[in-house]
């Protein structure tokens, strides 16, 4: 079952438990506080980019569908030689233990506002969905 209100926190928790991410800043895209504009170290921002659900059982209140979560990797311009592929592999390794429907990785782009290179990873899960 996918717990919609907790999926971002669960992803951050899984990543935080991996020693590889010890020096990364983990941020939920939905936190009610201001995010740092120019990170000093690599950061991963997690959120939900898409969700859809429909009734999955006749006469019962059971919803099922897909939820697409994302993890944006931010590496400051000042960090020369940052390995996006290794980081992406580690993120997929942590998140994909729940058997995703699909995974994806975008190209690396420059974000001048945060002074970082950014890569978006997506993972889509399909199961019963709890929206409570």
C-alpha atoms as a PDB file:
ATOM      1  CA  UNK A   1       0.000   0.000   0.000  1.00  0.00           C
ATOM      2  CA  UNK A   2       1.191   3.506  -0.830  1.00  0.00           C
ATOM      3  CA  UNK A   3       0.675   5.981   1.997  1.00  0.00           C
ATOM      4  CA  UNK A   4       0.362   9.208  -0.005  1.00  0.00           C
ATOM      5  CA  UNK A   5       0.921  11.603   2.918  1.00  0.00           C
ATOM      6  CA  UNK A   6       4.072   9.790   4.073  1.00  0.00           C
ATOM      7  CA  UNK A   7       5.792   8.695   0.864  1.00  0.00           C
ATOM      8  CA  UNK A   8       8.179  11.670   0.730  1.00  0.00           C
ATOM      9  CA  UNK A   9       9.213  11.202   4.372  1.00  0.00           C
ATOM     10  CA  UNK A  10       9.699   7.468   3.769  1.00  0.00           C
ATOM     11  CA  UNK A  11      11.993   8.120   0.812  1.00  0.00           C
ATOM     12  CA  UNK A  12      14.056  10.627   2.807  1.00  0.00           C
ATOM     13  CA  UNK A  13      14.272   8.156   5.697  1.00  0.00           C
ATOM     14  CA  UNK A  14      15.499   5.355   3.396  1.00  0.00           C
ATOM     15  CA  UNK A  15      18.144   7.619   1.885  1.00  0.00           C
ATOM     16  CA  UNK A  16      19.231   8.914   5.297  1.00  0.00           C
ATOM     17  CA  UNK A  17      19.863   5.362   6.492  1.00  0.00           C
ATOM     18  CA  UNK A  18      22.455   4.813   3.749  1.00  0.00           C
ATOM     19  CA  UNK A  19      26.010   5.866   4.683  1.00  0.00           C
ATOM     20  CA  UNK A  20      26.629   7.155   1.161  1.00  0.00           C
ATOM     21  CA  UNK A  21      24.262  10.074   1.826  1.00  0.00           C
ATOM     22  CA  UNK A  22      25.858  11.094   5.143  1.00  0.00           C
ATOM     23  CA  UNK A  23      27.116  14.429   3.756  1.00  0.00           C
ATOM     24  CA  UNK A  24      23.975  15.230   1.760  1.00  0.00           C
ATOM     25  CA  UNK A  25      21.247  17.623   2.849  1.00  0.00           C
ATOM     26  CA  UNK A  26      17.847  15.853   2.621  1.00  0.00           C
ATOM     27  CA  UNK A  27      14.877  18.131   1.984  1.00  0.00           C
ATOM     28  CA  UNK A  28      11.180  17.482   1.430  1.00  0.00           C
ATOM     29  CA  UNK A  29       9.751  19.684  -1.313  1.00  0.00           C
ATOM     30  CA  UNK A  30       6.639  20.088   0.834  1.00  0.00           C
ATOM     31  CA  UNK A  31       8.188  21.297   4.092  1.00  0.00           C
ATOM     32  CA  UNK A  32       6.524  24.463   5.405  1.00  0.00           C
ATOM     33  CA  UNK A  33       9.842  26.232   5.857  1.00  0.00           C
ATOM     34  CA  UNK A  34      12.080  28.126   3.486  1.00  0.00           C
ATOM     35  CA  UNK A  35      14.654  26.092   1.619  1.00  0.00           C
ATOM     36  CA  UNK A  36      18.297  27.184   1.388  1.00  0.00           C
ATOM     37  CA  UNK A  37      18.895  29.047  -1.859  1.00  0.00           C
ATOM     38  CA  UNK A  38      22.569  28.177  -2.350  1.00  0.00           C
ATOM     39  CA  UNK A  39      23.537  24.870  -0.741  1.00  0.00           C
ATOM     40  CA  UNK A  40      27.082  24.385   0.527  1.00  0.00           C
ATOM     41  CA  UNK A  41      26.972  20.600   0.042  1.00  0.00           C
ATOM     42  CA  UNK A  42      25.015  18.225  -2.198  1.00  0.00           C
ATOM     43  CA  UNK A  43      21.297  18.116  -1.530  1.00  0.00           C
ATOM     44  CA  UNK A  44      18.433  15.836  -2.458  1.00  0.00           C
ATOM     45  CA  UNK A  45      14.948  17.328  -2.681  1.00  0.00           C
ATOM     46  CA  UNK A  46      12.139  14.755  -2.664  1.00  0.00           C
ATOM     47  CA  UNK A  47       8.502  15.180  -3.570  1.00  0.00           C
ATOM     48  CA  UNK A  48       5.564  13.863  -5.563  1.00  0.00           C
ATOM     49  CA  UNK A  49       5.169  14.921  -9.174  1.00  0.00           C
ATOM     50  CA  UNK A  50       2.096  12.940 -10.144  1.00  0.00           C
ATOM     51  CA  UNK A  51      -0.613  10.717  -8.687  1.00  0.00           C
ATOM     52  CA  UNK A  52      -3.735   9.066 -10.015  1.00  0.00           C
ATOM     53  CA  UNK A  53      -6.177   6.667  -8.420  1.00  0.00           C
ATOM     54  CA  UNK A  54      -9.477   4.982  -9.106  1.00  0.00           C
ATOM     55  CA  UNK A  55     -11.869   2.658  -7.315  1.00  0.00           C
ATOM     56  CA  UNK A  56     -10.363  -0.804  -7.394  1.00  0.00           C
ATOM     57  CA  UNK A  57     -13.190  -2.868  -5.887  1.00  0.00           C
ATOM     58  CA  UNK A  58     -16.902  -2.977  -6.647  1.00  0.00           C
ATOM     59  CA  UNK A  59     -19.019  -1.768  -3.746  1.00  0.00           C
ATOM     60  CA  UNK A  60     -16.005  -1.015  -1.545  1.00  0.00           C
ATOM     61  CA  UNK A  61     -13.992   2.109  -0.842  1.00  0.00           C
ATOM     62  CA  UNK A  62     -10.638   0.814  -2.123  1.00  0.00           C
ATOM     63  CA  UNK A  63      -8.479   3.125  -4.226  1.00  0.00           C
ATOM     64  CA  UNK A  64      -5.568   1.946  -6.325  1.00  0.00           C
ATOM     65  CA  UNK A  65      -3.353   3.692  -8.801  1.00  0.00           C
ATOM     66  CA  UNK A  66       0.086   5.127  -9.365  1.00  0.00           C
ATOM     67  CA  UNK A  67       2.222   7.667  -7.563  1.00  0.00           C
ATOM     68  CA  UNK A  68       5.333   9.165  -9.125  1.00  0.00           C
ATOM     69  CA  UNK A  69       7.899  10.450  -6.645  1.00  0.00           C
ATOM     70  CA  UNK A  70      10.976  12.427  -7.546  1.00  0.00           C
ATOM     71  CA  UNK A  71      14.399  12.998  -6.068  1.00  0.00           C
ATOM     72  CA  UNK A  72      16.231  16.046  -7.410  1.00  0.00           C
ATOM     73  CA  UNK A  73      19.990  15.861  -6.899  1.00  0.00           C
ATOM     74  CA  UNK A  74      21.605  19.287  -6.375  1.00  0.00           C
ATOM     75  CA  UNK A  75      25.391  19.601  -6.621  1.00  0.00           C
ATOM     76  CA  UNK A  76      26.891  23.078  -6.075  1.00  0.00           C
ATOM     77  CA  UNK A  77      28.887  24.489  -8.984  1.00  0.00           C
ATOM     78  CA  UNK A  78      31.874  24.639  -6.627  1.00  0.00           C
ATOM     79  CA  UNK A  79      31.938  20.829  -6.267  1.00  0.00           C
ATOM     80  CA  UNK A  80      34.159  19.695  -9.086  1.00  0.00           C
ATOM     81  CA  UNK A  81      33.892  16.051 -10.126  1.00  0.00           C
ATOM     82  CA  UNK A  82      30.564  15.276  -8.426  1.00  0.00           C
ATOM     83  CA  UNK A  83      29.434  11.825  -9.609  1.00  0.00           C
ATOM     84  CA  UNK A  84      25.749  12.110 -10.589  1.00  0.00           C
ATOM     85  CA  UNK A  85      25.595   8.565 -11.962  1.00  0.00           C
ATOM     86  CA  UNK A  86      26.873   6.989  -8.760  1.00  0.00           C
ATOM     87  CA  UNK A  87      24.486   9.107  -6.695  1.00  0.00           C
ATOM     88  CA  UNK A  88      21.544   8.244  -8.961  1.00  0.00           C
ATOM     89  CA  UNK A  89      22.397   4.553  -8.697  1.00  0.00           C
ATOM     90  CA  UNK A  90      22.470   4.746  -4.901  1.00  0.00           C
ATOM     91  CA  UNK A  91      19.132   6.560  -4.807  1.00  0.00           C
ATOM     92  CA  UNK A  92      17.483   3.974  -7.066  1.00  0.00           C
ATOM     93  CA  UNK A  93      19.028   1.192  -4.973  1.00  0.00           C
ATOM     94  CA  UNK A  94      17.460   2.635  -1.806  1.00  0.00           C
ATOM     95  CA  UNK A  95      14.058   3.531  -3.236  1.00  0.00           C
ATOM     96  CA  UNK A  96      13.505   0.582  -5.558  1.00  0.00           C
ATOM     97  CA  UNK A  97      13.377  -2.022  -2.797  1.00  0.00           C
ATOM     98  CA  UNK A  98       9.573  -1.519  -2.994  1.00  0.00           C
ATOM     99  CA  UNK A  99       9.393  -2.807  -6.625  1.00  0.00           C
ATOM    100  CA  UNK A 100       8.552   0.243  -8.725  1.00  0.00           C
ATOM    101  CA  UNK A 101       6.582   0.239 -11.963  1.00  0.00           C
ATOM    102  CA  UNK A 102       9.130   2.475 -13.665  1.00  0.00           C
ATOM    103  CA  UNK A 103      12.177   4.596 -12.991  1.00  0.00           C
ATOM    104  CA  UNK A 104      13.584   7.534 -14.905  1.00  0.00           C
ATOM    105  CA  UNK A 105      16.478   9.962 -14.913  1.00  0.00           C
ATOM    106  CA  UNK A 106      16.583  13.357 -16.578  1.00  0.00           C
ATOM    107  CA  UNK A 107      19.555  15.170 -17.985  1.00  0.00           C
ATOM    108  CA  UNK A 108      21.825  17.276 -15.809  1.00  0.00           C
ATOM    109  CA  UNK A 109      20.897  20.953 -16.021  1.00  0.00           C
ATOM    110  CA  UNK A 110      22.314  24.139 -14.531  1.00  0.00           C
ATOM    111  CA  UNK A 111      20.184  26.106 -12.056  1.00  0.00           C
ATOM    112  CA  UNK A 112      21.713  29.556 -11.676  1.00  0.00           C
ATOM    113  CA  UNK A 113      19.390  30.538  -8.799  1.00  0.00           C
ATOM    114  CA  UNK A 114      20.729  27.781  -6.563  1.00  0.00           C
ATOM    115  CA  UNK A 115      24.169  27.803  -8.226  1.00  0.00           C
ATOM    116  CA  UNK A 116      23.888  24.046  -8.681  1.00  0.00           C
ATOM    117  CA  UNK A 117      23.800  21.370 -11.298  1.00  0.00           C
ATOM    118  CA  UNK A 118      20.534  19.428 -10.967  1.00  0.00           C
ATOM    119  CA  UNK A 119      19.401  15.984 -12.046  1.00  0.00           C
ATOM    120  CA  UNK A 120      15.814  14.727 -11.589  1.00  0.00           C
ATOM    121  CA  UNK A 121      15.139  11.070 -10.834  1.00  0.00           C
ATOM    122  CA  UNK A 122      11.602   9.660 -10.852  1.00  0.00           C
ATOM    123  CA  UNK A 123      10.176   6.448  -9.460  1.00  0.00           C
ATOM    124  CA  UNK A 124       6.584   5.361 -10.123  1.00  0.00           C
ATOM    125  CA  UNK A 125       4.824   2.944  -7.773  1.00  0.00           C
ATOM    126  CA  UNK A 126       1.516   1.176  -8.372  1.00  0.00           C
ATOM    127  CA  UNK A 127      -0.600  -0.232  -5.532  1.00  0.00           C
ATOM    128  CA  UNK A 128      -3.533   0.539  -3.267  1.00  0.00           C
ATOM    129  CA  UNK A 129      -3.325   4.187  -2.180  1.00  0.00           C
ATOM    130  CA  UNK A 130      -4.167   5.613   1.218  1.00  0.00           C
ATOM    131  CA  UNK A 131      -4.827   9.370   1.114  1.00  0.00           C
ATOM    132  CA  UNK A 132      -5.367   9.832   4.904  1.00  0.00           C
END
